[in-house]
Amino acid sequence: MPTVLRVGSYRFYFYSHEPNEPPHVHIDRDRSTAKFWLEAVSLASSIGFSAKELRTVRTLVQENQELLWEAWYGYFGNSSGRES
């Protein structure tokens, strides 16, 4: 599970066994977790985060989208043909 970013108490990471899914990032804080797709930043799943906090997390994903893309393709490779 490579951690690619930390912002405050949020940890952004990938599971190393998910290369066949579209690019996404997992975010944890304490016992809360969420998964966001990176192409068009959108929530895939969430457990424990309030709606308000999910908006904050979504904003963090949007603000760091390029870094997260680079980390995804640096780790899994560029199999989709997405241009940097």
N, C-alpha and C. Protein backbone atom coordinates (compact mmCIF):
# COMPACT_ATOMS: atom_id res chain seq x y z
N MET A 1 0.84 -1.18 0.00
CA MET A 1 0.00 0.00 0.00
C MET A 1 0.88 1.24 0.00
N PRO A 2 1.30 1.67 -1.15
CA PRO A 2 2.16 2.86 -1.16
C PRO A 2 1.38 4.13 -0.80
N THR A 3 1.86 4.83 0.23
CA THR A 3 1.30 6.13 0.57
C THR A 3 1.89 7.14 -0.39
N VAL A 4 1.03 7.93 -1.03
CA VAL A 4 1.52 8.89 -2.01
C VAL A 4 1.40 10.33 -1.55
N LEU A 5 0.61 10.56 -0.49
CA LEU A 5 0.41 11.93 -0.03
C LEU A 5 -0.16 11.90 1.38
N ARG A 6 0.25 12.85 2.18
CA ARG A 6 -0.36 13.09 3.49
C ARG A 6 -0.69 14.57 3.57
N VAL A 7 -1.93 14.85 3.95
CA VAL A 7 -2.38 16.23 4.15
C VAL A 7 -3.08 16.25 5.50
N GLY A 8 -2.48 16.92 6.47
CA GLY A 8 -3.04 16.90 7.81
C GLY A 8 -3.16 15.47 8.30
N SER A 9 -4.36 15.10 8.72
CA SER A 9 -4.57 13.74 9.23
C SER A 9 -5.03 12.76 8.14
N TYR A 10 -5.03 13.20 6.88
CA TYR A 10 -5.46 12.34 5.78
C TYR A 10 -4.26 11.65 5.14
N ARG A 11 -4.43 10.36 4.87
CA ARG A 11 -3.43 9.56 4.17
C ARG A 11 -4.00 9.12 2.83
N PHE A 12 -3.31 9.42 1.75
CA PHE A 12 -3.71 9.07 0.39
C PHE A 12 -2.81 7.94 -0.08
N TYR A 13 -3.42 6.87 -0.57
CA TYR A 13 -2.61 5.70 -0.94
C TYR A 13 -3.32 4.86 -2.00
N PHE A 14 -2.55 3.91 -2.55
CA PHE A 14 -3.07 2.92 -3.50
C PHE A 14 -2.90 1.55 -2.88
N TYR A 15 -3.77 0.62 -3.25
CA TYR A 15 -3.53 -0.79 -2.97
C TYR A 15 -2.73 -1.34 -4.13
N SER A 16 -1.69 -2.08 -3.85
CA SER A 16 -0.82 -2.56 -4.91
C SER A 16 -1.46 -3.64 -5.77
N HIS A 17 -2.59 -4.20 -5.36
CA HIS A 17 -3.24 -5.27 -6.12
C HIS A 17 -4.45 -4.79 -6.92
N GLU A 18 -4.54 -3.50 -7.23
CA GLU A 18 -5.69 -2.97 -7.98
C GLU A 18 -5.31 -2.32 -9.32
N PRO A 19 -4.34 -2.82 -10.04
CA PRO A 19 -3.92 -2.13 -11.27
C PRO A 19 -4.93 -2.23 -12.41
N ASN A 20 -5.89 -3.14 -12.33
CA ASN A 20 -6.85 -3.30 -13.42
C ASN A 20 -8.09 -2.43 -13.26
N GLU A 21 -8.19 -1.70 -12.17
CA GLU A 21 -9.29 -0.75 -11.98
C GLU A 21 -8.87 0.59 -12.58
N PRO A 22 -9.84 1.43 -12.90
CA PRO A 22 -9.48 2.78 -13.35
C PRO A 22 -8.68 3.49 -12.26
N PRO A 23 -7.86 4.46 -12.62
CA PRO A 23 -7.06 5.18 -11.63
C PRO A 23 -7.93 5.76 -10.52
N HIS A 24 -7.49 5.53 -9.29
CA HIS A 24 -8.23 5.99 -8.12
C HIS A 24 -7.27 6.09 -6.94
N VAL A 25 -7.75 6.69 -5.88
CA VAL A 25 -6.95 6.83 -4.66
C VAL A 25 -7.84 6.52 -3.46
N HIS A 26 -7.24 5.92 -2.45
CA HIS A 26 -7.91 5.66 -1.19
C HIS A 26 -7.44 6.72 -0.19
N ILE A 27 -8.34 7.16 0.66
CA ILE A 27 -8.02 8.16 1.66
C ILE A 27 -8.53 7.66 3.00
N ASP A 28 -7.66 7.68 4.00
CA ASP A 28 -8.03 7.27 5.35
C ASP A 28 -7.76 8.40 6.33
N ARG A 29 -8.60 8.46 7.35
CA ARG A 29 -8.37 9.29 8.53
C ARG A 29 -8.99 8.54 9.68
N ASP A 30 -8.19 8.21 10.66
CA ASP A 30 -8.66 7.42 11.79
C ASP A 30 -9.37 6.16 11.27
N ARG A 31 -10.65 5.99 11.59
CA ARG A 31 -11.39 4.80 11.14
C ARG A 31 -12.25 5.06 9.91
N SER A 32 -12.13 6.24 9.34
CA SER A 32 -12.90 6.59 8.15
C SER A 32 -12.08 6.32 6.90
N THR A 33 -12.75 5.91 5.83
CA THR A 33 -12.06 5.62 4.57
C THR A 33 -12.93 6.01 3.39
N ALA A 34 -12.28 6.39 2.32
CA ALA A 34 -13.00 6.74 1.08
C ALA A 34 -12.14 6.34 -0.11
N LYS A 35 -12.80 6.22 -1.23
CA LYS A 35 -12.13 5.91 -2.50
C LYS A 35 -12.67 6.88 -3.53
N PHE A 36 -11.75 7.57 -4.23
CA PHE A 36 -12.14 8.53 -5.26
C PHE A 36 -11.51 8.14 -6.58
N TRP A 37 -12.31 8.20 -7.65
CA TRP A 37 -11.81 8.03 -9.01
C TRP A 37 -11.05 9.28 -9.38
N LEU A 38 -10.01 9.16 -10.20
CA LEU A 38 -9.18 10.30 -10.56
C LEU A 38 -9.54 10.93 -11.90
N GLU A 39 -10.11 10.19 -12.83
CA GLU A 39 -10.39 10.74 -14.17
C GLU A 39 -11.27 11.97 -14.07
N ALA A 40 -12.47 11.79 -13.64
CA ALA A 40 -13.37 12.89 -13.30
C ALA A 40 -13.58 12.71 -11.81
N VAL A 41 -12.89 13.50 -11.01
CA VAL A 41 -12.85 13.25 -9.57
C VAL A 41 -14.26 13.04 -9.05
N SER A 42 -14.49 11.83 -8.55
CA SER A 42 -15.81 11.49 -8.02
C SER A 42 -15.66 10.40 -6.97
N LEU A 43 -16.60 10.38 -6.05
CA LEU A 43 -16.57 9.42 -4.96
C LEU A 43 -16.98 8.04 -5.46
N ALA A 44 -16.15 7.05 -5.15
CA ALA A 44 -16.47 5.66 -5.48
C ALA A 44 -17.11 4.96 -4.29
N SER A 45 -16.57 5.22 -3.09
CA SER A 45 -17.12 4.60 -1.88
C SER A 45 -16.61 5.35 -0.65
N SER A 46 -17.34 5.18 0.45
CA SER A 46 -16.94 5.84 1.69
C SER A 46 -17.56 5.13 2.88
N ILE A 47 -16.79 5.07 3.95
CA ILE A 47 -17.27 4.55 5.22
C ILE A 47 -16.76 5.48 6.32
N GLY A 48 -17.67 6.07 7.06
CA GLY A 48 -17.30 6.84 8.23
C GLY A 48 -17.14 8.33 8.07
N PHE A 49 -16.94 8.81 6.85
CA PHE A 49 -16.80 10.25 6.63
C PHE A 49 -18.18 10.90 6.56
N SER A 50 -18.31 12.08 7.13
CA SER A 50 -19.55 12.85 6.99
C SER A 50 -19.57 13.47 5.59
N ALA A 51 -20.73 13.94 5.17
CA ALA A 51 -20.85 14.59 3.86
C ALA A 51 -19.94 15.81 3.79
N LYS A 52 -19.87 16.57 4.88
CA LYS A 52 -19.02 17.76 4.91
C LYS A 52 -17.56 17.38 4.74
N GLU A 53 -17.12 16.35 5.44
CA GLU A 53 -15.72 15.94 5.34
C GLU A 53 -15.42 15.35 3.96
N LEU A 54 -16.38 14.66 3.37
CA LEU A 54 -16.18 14.14 2.00
C LEU A 54 -15.97 15.28 1.01
N ARG A 55 -16.65 16.39 1.21
CA ARG A 55 -16.43 17.56 0.34
C ARG A 55 -15.00 18.07 0.51
N THR A 56 -14.51 18.08 1.74
CA THR A 56 -13.13 18.49 2.00
C THR A 56 -12.16 17.53 1.32
N VAL A 57 -12.39 16.24 1.48
CA VAL A 57 -11.51 15.24 0.87
C VAL A 57 -11.55 15.36 -0.65
N ARG A 58 -12.73 15.54 -1.22
CA ARG A 58 -12.84 15.70 -2.68
C ARG A 58 -12.02 16.90 -3.15
N THR A 59 -12.09 17.99 -2.41
CA THR A 59 -11.31 19.18 -2.76
C THR A 59 -9.82 18.87 -2.71
N LEU A 60 -9.38 18.13 -1.71
CA LEU A 60 -7.97 17.75 -1.62
C LEU A 60 -7.56 16.88 -2.80
N VAL A 61 -8.42 15.96 -3.20
CA VAL A 61 -8.12 15.12 -4.36
C VAL A 61 -8.02 16.00 -5.61
N GLN A 62 -8.94 16.93 -5.78
CA GLN A 62 -8.91 17.82 -6.95
C GLN A 62 -7.65 18.68 -6.95
N GLU A 63 -7.30 19.22 -5.79
CA GLU A 63 -6.12 20.08 -5.70
C GLU A 63 -4.83 19.33 -5.97
N ASN A 64 -4.83 18.03 -5.73
CA ASN A 64 -3.63 17.21 -5.90
C ASN A 64 -3.77 16.20 -7.02
N GLN A 65 -4.72 16.42 -7.91
CA GLN A 65 -5.04 15.44 -8.96
C GLN A 65 -3.83 15.09 -9.82
N GLU A 66 -3.08 16.08 -10.26
CA GLU A 66 -1.92 15.79 -11.12
C GLU A 66 -0.88 14.96 -10.39
N LEU A 67 -0.60 15.31 -9.14
CA LEU A 67 0.35 14.53 -8.34
C LEU A 67 -0.13 13.10 -8.19
N LEU A 68 -1.42 12.92 -7.94
CA LEU A 68 -1.98 11.58 -7.77
C LEU A 68 -1.93 10.79 -9.08
N TRP A 69 -2.20 11.46 -10.22
CA TRP A 69 -2.06 10.80 -11.54
C TRP A 69 -0.62 10.32 -11.73
N GLU A 70 0.32 11.22 -11.47
CA GLU A 70 1.73 10.87 -11.66
C GLU A 70 2.13 9.70 -10.77
N ALA A 71 1.67 9.71 -9.54
CA ALA A 71 1.98 8.61 -8.62
C ALA A 71 1.36 7.30 -9.11
N TRP A 72 0.10 7.36 -9.58
CA TRP A 72 -0.59 6.16 -10.08
C TRP A 72 0.20 5.55 -11.23
N TYR A 73 0.51 6.38 -12.24
CA TYR A 73 1.19 5.84 -13.41
C TYR A 73 2.66 5.53 -13.13
N GLY A 74 3.26 6.21 -12.17
CA GLY A 74 4.61 5.85 -11.76
C GLY A 74 4.65 4.48 -11.11
N TYR A 75 3.58 4.14 -10.42
CA TYR A 75 3.53 2.85 -9.72
C TYR A 75 3.01 1.72 -10.61
N PHE A 76 1.89 1.96 -11.30
CA PHE A 76 1.24 0.91 -12.09
C PHE A 76 1.62 0.93 -13.57
N GLY A 77 2.17 2.02 -14.06
CA GLY A 77 2.48 2.16 -15.48
C GLY A 77 1.34 2.85 -16.19
N ASN A 78 1.59 3.29 -17.40
CA ASN A 78 0.61 4.05 -18.18
C ASN A 78 -0.07 3.15 -19.19
N SER A 79 -0.92 2.28 -18.71
CA SER A 79 -1.59 1.34 -19.61
C SER A 79 -2.79 1.94 -20.31
N SER A 80 -3.26 3.11 -19.88
CA SER A 80 -4.46 3.69 -20.48
C SER A 80 -4.14 4.62 -21.65
N GLY A 81 -2.86 4.97 -21.79
CA GLY A 81 -2.51 5.89 -22.85
C GLY A 81 -2.76 7.35 -22.49
N ARG A 82 -3.05 7.64 -21.23
CA ARG A 82 -3.29 9.04 -20.81
C ARG A 82 -2.01 9.83 -21.00
N GLU A 83 -2.16 10.99 -21.60
CA GLU A 83 -1.02 11.87 -21.81
C GLU A 83 -0.78 12.68 -20.55
N SER A 84 0.49 12.87 -20.21
CA SER A 84 0.84 13.66 -19.03
C SER A 84 0.77 15.13 -19.33
